[in-house]
Amino acid sequence: MNAYSKKTKKEVRRLAALAHERELKKALSDLNVKFKQWEKEKIDSFELDSEIHKFHNKISREIFKKYNSYYF
């Protein structure tokens, strides 16, 4: 049985939420670059759609799973 205090668990959850936010923000920033390229017609709608799909079905899910696993 784990002997972590409530205070320690709370702090770990706070730090995990902060890391989650930062990693998600970076991933969304990368996706935003694709939107800007699309607006400037450097990529077409199909490529943007593919990037959105990749973000939703892979990147975002991987980040979610990483930070929503229960360790104690």
Protein backbone atom coordinates (compact mmCIF):
# COMPACT_ATOMS: atom_id res chain seq x y z
CA MET A 1 0.00 0.00 0.00
CA ASN A 2 1.29 3.48 -0.83
CA ALA A 3 2.10 5.73 2.07
CA TYR A 4 1.94 9.07 0.30
CA SER A 5 0.30 11.85 2.26
CA LYS A 6 -2.72 13.72 0.92
CA LYS A 7 -0.53 16.80 0.62
CA THR A 8 2.03 14.92 -1.50
CA LYS A 9 -0.67 13.44 -3.72
CA LYS A 10 -2.23 16.87 -4.20
CA GLU A 11 1.14 18.37 -5.16
CA VAL A 12 1.85 15.57 -7.64
CA ARG A 13 -1.57 16.11 -9.24
CA ARG A 14 -0.92 19.87 -9.42
CA LEU A 15 2.46 19.36 -11.07
CA ALA A 16 1.03 16.79 -13.48
CA ALA A 17 -1.75 19.21 -14.45
CA LEU A 18 0.84 21.93 -15.07
CA ALA A 19 2.96 19.62 -17.23
CA HIS A 20 -0.17 18.46 -19.08
CA GLU A 21 -1.17 22.07 -19.80
CA ARG A 22 2.30 22.94 -21.08
CA GLU A 23 2.57 19.91 -23.33
CA LEU A 24 -0.93 20.40 -24.73
CA LYS A 25 -0.25 24.10 -25.30
CA LYS A 26 2.89 23.22 -27.31
CA ALA A 27 1.00 20.67 -29.40
CA LEU A 28 -1.80 23.16 -30.09
CA SER A 29 0.75 25.80 -31.02
CA ASP A 30 2.22 23.39 -33.56
CA LEU A 31 -1.26 22.78 -34.97
CA ASN A 32 -1.85 26.53 -35.11
CA VAL A 33 1.17 26.83 -37.41
CA LYS A 34 -0.65 24.54 -39.84
CA PHE A 35 -3.75 26.77 -39.68
CA LYS A 36 -1.61 29.79 -40.49
CA GLN A 37 -0.05 27.95 -43.42
CA TRP A 38 -3.52 27.07 -44.66
CA GLU A 39 -4.68 30.69 -44.35
CA LYS A 40 -1.69 31.75 -46.48
CA GLU A 41 -2.55 28.95 -48.93
CA LYS A 42 0.80 27.22 -48.35
CA ILE A 43 -1.09 24.00 -47.62
CA ASP A 44 -4.48 22.94 -48.91
CA SER A 45 -7.62 22.05 -46.98
CA PHE A 46 -6.95 18.33 -47.25
CA GLU A 47 -3.53 18.64 -45.66
CA LEU A 48 -4.93 20.80 -42.86
CA ASP A 49 -7.69 18.28 -42.31
CA SER A 50 -5.07 15.53 -42.11
CA GLU A 51 -3.12 17.50 -39.50
CA ILE A 52 -6.26 18.07 -37.44
CA HIS A 53 -7.07 14.37 -37.66
CA LYS A 54 -3.52 13.43 -36.59
CA PHE A 55 -3.71 15.86 -33.68
CA HIS A 56 -7.08 14.60 -32.48
CA ASN A 57 -6.53 10.88 -32.94
CA LYS A 58 -2.87 10.60 -31.99
CA ILE A 59 -1.12 13.55 -30.39
CA SER A 60 -3.93 14.73 -28.14
CA ARG A 61 -4.80 11.19 -27.05
CA GLU A 62 -1.17 10.37 -26.22
CA ILE A 63 -0.90 13.48 -24.09
CA PHE A 64 -4.20 12.68 -22.38
CA LYS A 65 -3.15 9.11 -21.58
CA LYS A 66 0.21 10.26 -20.25
CA TYR A 67 -1.32 12.60 -17.70
CA ASN A 68 -4.46 10.69 -16.80
CA SER A 69 -2.88 7.49 -15.54
CA TYR A 70 -3.24 6.81 -11.86
CA TYR A 71 -0.06 6.02 -10.02
CA PHE A 72 -1.40 5.92 -6.47
